[in-house]
Amino acid sequence: MILTEPVAAPTIERAPALSPAQLLGVVRDLAHARDRWRELVRHTPTQRWFLRVAAHDGFDCWLIGWDAHQGVAFHDHGGSAGALYVVDGELFETSALRDRPRARVEQQLRAGTARAFGADHVHRVVNRSAAVATSVHVYSPPLVSMDFYDGTGDVPLRRTHTESALALRSGPGELR
């Protein structure tokens, strides 16, 4: 059989991306459903622990265990918006604008604190304490990769490398 007209490729319907406000609702609901994820959490002294616990067309959910003094360098979320909720301990977030090095905002995120951000957000997150911390994160669209940045000095952020979000262990973006 010879086709005389091109056949259109089928379109794949993707769920629309959720807004930061919608992600805030999802992360709060998940954080309060501790019985669904609590036994999965780990804290390891050698590296920050993370696990993707749910994946949907429009968003995914992650648990992160932060041991004493662990952190992650300045990074974005590969075009995904996100929200995080600190369920145990406390974290410190430093947000930065890629092109304005002095426009940095630092905030303490204690247990019970939630934070949402857009797809253009760049931040560094650190557990400055000797105690462990645990956080729940959601991203939309689902997290695929993270770009890391050199955030030293008074110069604009410079992208240094990209890491897969689904890598088995943390890469050079980890702080210790």
Protein backbone atom coordinates (compact mmCIF):
# COMPACT_ATOMS: atom_id res chain seq x y z
CA MET A 1 0.00 0.00 0.00
CA ILE A 2 1.31 3.44 -0.91
CA LEU A 3 0.33 6.41 1.18
CA THR A 4 -0.46 9.51 -0.78
CA GLU A 5 -0.80 11.81 2.20
CA PRO A 6 1.56 12.11 5.16
CA VAL A 7 0.30 10.58 8.36
CA ALA A 8 0.36 12.91 11.33
CA ALA A 9 2.30 11.68 14.34
CA PRO A 10 0.12 11.11 17.38
CA THR A 11 0.28 13.85 19.96
CA ILE A 12 1.16 12.95 23.50
CA GLU A 13 -0.90 14.81 26.04
CA ARG A 14 1.12 15.99 29.03
CA ALA A 15 -0.44 17.27 32.19
CA PRO A 16 -0.05 21.04 32.50
CA ALA A 17 2.67 22.27 34.84
CA LEU A 18 1.51 23.24 38.30
CA SER A 19 2.07 26.77 39.60
CA PRO A 20 4.22 27.43 42.68
CA ALA A 21 1.00 28.07 44.67
CA GLN A 22 -0.43 24.71 43.60
CA LEU A 23 2.88 22.98 44.43
CA LEU A 24 2.76 24.54 47.89
CA GLY A 25 -0.57 22.80 48.50
CA VAL A 26 0.79 19.47 47.25
CA VAL A 27 3.95 19.66 49.37
CA ARG A 28 1.97 20.58 52.50
CA ASP A 29 -0.42 17.66 51.98
CA LEU A 30 2.48 15.26 51.48
CA ALA A 31 4.44 16.61 54.45
CA HIS A 32 1.43 16.06 56.73
CA ALA A 33 0.98 12.47 55.49
CA ARG A 34 4.06 11.25 57.41
CA ASP A 35 2.76 7.71 57.72
CA ARG A 36 3.10 7.37 53.91
CA TRP A 37 6.83 8.17 53.76
CA ARG A 38 8.42 8.38 57.22
CA GLU A 39 9.95 4.90 57.18
CA LEU A 40 11.72 5.67 53.88
CA VAL A 41 13.79 8.61 55.20
CA ARG A 42 17.54 8.13 55.64
CA HIS A 43 20.31 10.38 56.93
CA THR A 44 23.85 9.43 55.94
CA PRO A 45 26.98 11.22 57.16
CA THR A 46 28.84 10.79 53.85
CA GLN A 47 26.35 12.42 51.48
CA ARG A 48 22.96 14.08 51.31
CA TRP A 49 20.32 11.37 50.83
CA PHE A 50 17.38 11.78 48.45
CA LEU A 51 14.64 9.59 47.02
CA ARG A 52 11.95 10.22 44.45
CA VAL A 53 8.82 8.84 46.11
CA ALA A 54 6.13 9.64 43.52
CA ALA A 55 5.99 10.61 39.87
CA HIS A 56 2.94 11.87 38.00
CA ASP A 57 2.60 13.41 34.54
CA GLY A 58 2.53 16.93 35.95
CA PHE A 59 4.76 16.72 39.04
CA ASP A 60 6.99 14.51 41.14
CA CYS A 61 7.74 14.27 44.88
CA TRP A 62 11.05 13.77 46.68
CA LEU A 63 12.32 13.18 50.20
CA ILE A 64 15.69 14.58 51.23
CA GLY A 65 17.62 13.62 54.35
CA TRP A 66 20.22 16.18 55.41
CA ASP A 67 22.82 15.00 57.90
CA ALA A 68 24.79 17.46 60.01
CA HIS A 69 26.38 20.25 57.95
CA GLN A 70 25.35 18.92 54.54
CA GLY A 71 24.17 21.10 51.71
CA VAL A 72 23.82 21.56 48.00
CA ALA A 73 25.55 24.34 46.00
CA PHE A 74 23.73 27.01 43.97
CA HIS A 75 21.47 25.23 41.50
CA ASP A 76 18.28 25.54 39.52
CA HIS A 77 15.74 22.83 38.78
CA GLY A 78 16.13 22.46 35.03
CA GLY A 79 13.06 24.52 34.16
CA SER A 80 10.79 23.10 36.86
CA ALA A 81 8.95 25.14 39.47
CA GLY A 82 9.05 23.70 42.97
CA ALA A 83 8.11 23.76 46.61
CA LEU A 84 9.82 22.42 49.70
CA TYR A 85 8.62 21.75 53.23
CA VAL A 86 11.00 21.24 56.15
CA VAL A 87 9.51 18.50 58.31
CA ASP A 88 12.38 18.04 60.79
CA GLY A 89 15.34 20.22 61.77
CA GLU A 90 16.15 23.44 59.94
CA LEU A 91 17.70 24.45 56.64
CA PHE A 92 19.16 27.71 55.37
CA GLU A 93 18.36 28.84 51.86
CA THR A 94 20.30 31.45 49.93
CA SER A 95 18.45 32.58 46.80
CA ALA A 96 20.30 34.36 44.02
CA LEU A 97 19.59 36.02 40.71
CA ARG A 98 21.81 34.73 37.92
CA ASP A 99 22.74 38.21 36.69
CA ARG A 100 22.73 40.21 39.97
CA PRO A 101 25.33 38.73 42.33
CA ARG A 102 24.61 41.05 45.25
CA ALA A 103 20.85 40.44 45.12
CA ARG A 104 20.94 37.42 47.42
CA VAL A 105 18.40 36.62 50.07
CA GLU A 106 19.07 34.23 52.92
CA GLN A 107 16.34 32.73 55.04
CA GLN A 108 16.11 30.19 57.81
CA LEU A 109 13.61 27.42 57.14
CA ARG A 110 12.59 25.77 60.42
CA ALA A 111 10.47 22.62 60.76
CA GLY A 112 6.96 23.43 59.59
CA THR A 113 8.13 26.00 57.04
CA ALA A 114 7.14 25.68 53.38
CA ARG A 115 8.63 27.59 50.45
CA ALA A 116 7.54 27.68 46.79
CA PHE A 117 9.44 29.07 43.80
CA GLY A 118 9.22 29.51 40.05
CA ALA A 119 11.11 27.74 37.29
CA ASP A 120 13.79 30.47 37.18
CA HIS A 121 14.74 30.12 40.87
CA VAL A 122 18.41 29.55 41.79
CA HIS A 123 19.34 28.69 45.37
CA ARG A 124 21.76 27.01 47.74
CA VAL A 125 20.36 24.95 50.63
CA VAL A 126 22.42 23.96 53.67
CA ASN A 127 21.85 22.23 57.01
CA ARG A 128 24.14 24.33 59.22
CA SER A 129 23.21 22.38 62.33
CA ALA A 130 24.78 19.36 64.02
CA ALA A 131 21.26 17.81 64.04
CA VAL A 132 19.69 16.09 61.03
CA ALA A 133 16.99 17.69 58.91
CA THR A 134 14.36 16.21 56.60
CA SER A 135 12.50 17.94 53.79
CA VAL A 136 9.80 17.07 51.26
CA HIS A 137 10.01 18.56 47.74
CA VAL A 138 7.70 18.67 44.72
CA TYR A 139 8.56 19.83 41.20
CA SER A 140 6.50 20.57 38.11
CA PRO A 141 7.09 19.50 35.48
CA PRO A 142 8.83 16.49 37.04
CA LEU A 143 12.48 17.12 37.86
CA VAL A 144 14.90 15.78 35.23
CA SER A 145 18.11 17.73 35.80
CA MET A 146 19.68 20.51 37.82
CA ASP A 147 22.16 23.10 36.59
CA PHE A 148 24.82 24.08 39.14
CA TYR A 149 26.45 27.50 39.45
CA ASP A 150 29.60 29.04 40.84
CA GLY A 151 28.24 31.44 43.44
CA THR A 152 31.48 32.80 44.85
CA GLY A 153 32.45 36.46 44.83
CA ASP A 154 30.67 39.48 43.46
CA VAL A 155 30.34 38.27 39.90
CA PRO A 156 27.20 36.95 38.19
CA LEU A 157 26.48 33.26 38.71
CA ARG A 158 28.29 31.07 36.21
CA ARG A 159 26.90 27.65 35.27
CA THR A 160 29.49 24.97 36.01
CA HIS A 161 27.75 21.69 35.23
CA THR A 162 24.47 19.78 34.97
CA GLU A 163 23.49 16.73 37.02
CA SER A 164 20.72 14.23 36.37
CA ALA A 165 18.05 14.35 39.05
CA LEU A 166 17.74 10.58 38.90
CA ALA A 167 21.43 9.85 39.47
CA LEU A 168 22.11 7.15 42.05
CA ARG A 169 24.24 9.44 44.22
CA SER A 170 24.99 13.07 44.61
CA GLY A 171 27.62 14.71 42.43
CA PRO A 172 30.01 17.66 42.66
CA GLY A 173 27.18 20.02 43.60
CA GLU A 174 27.14 18.60 47.11
CA LEU A 175 28.56 20.68 49.96
CA ARG A 176 30.19 19.13 52.99
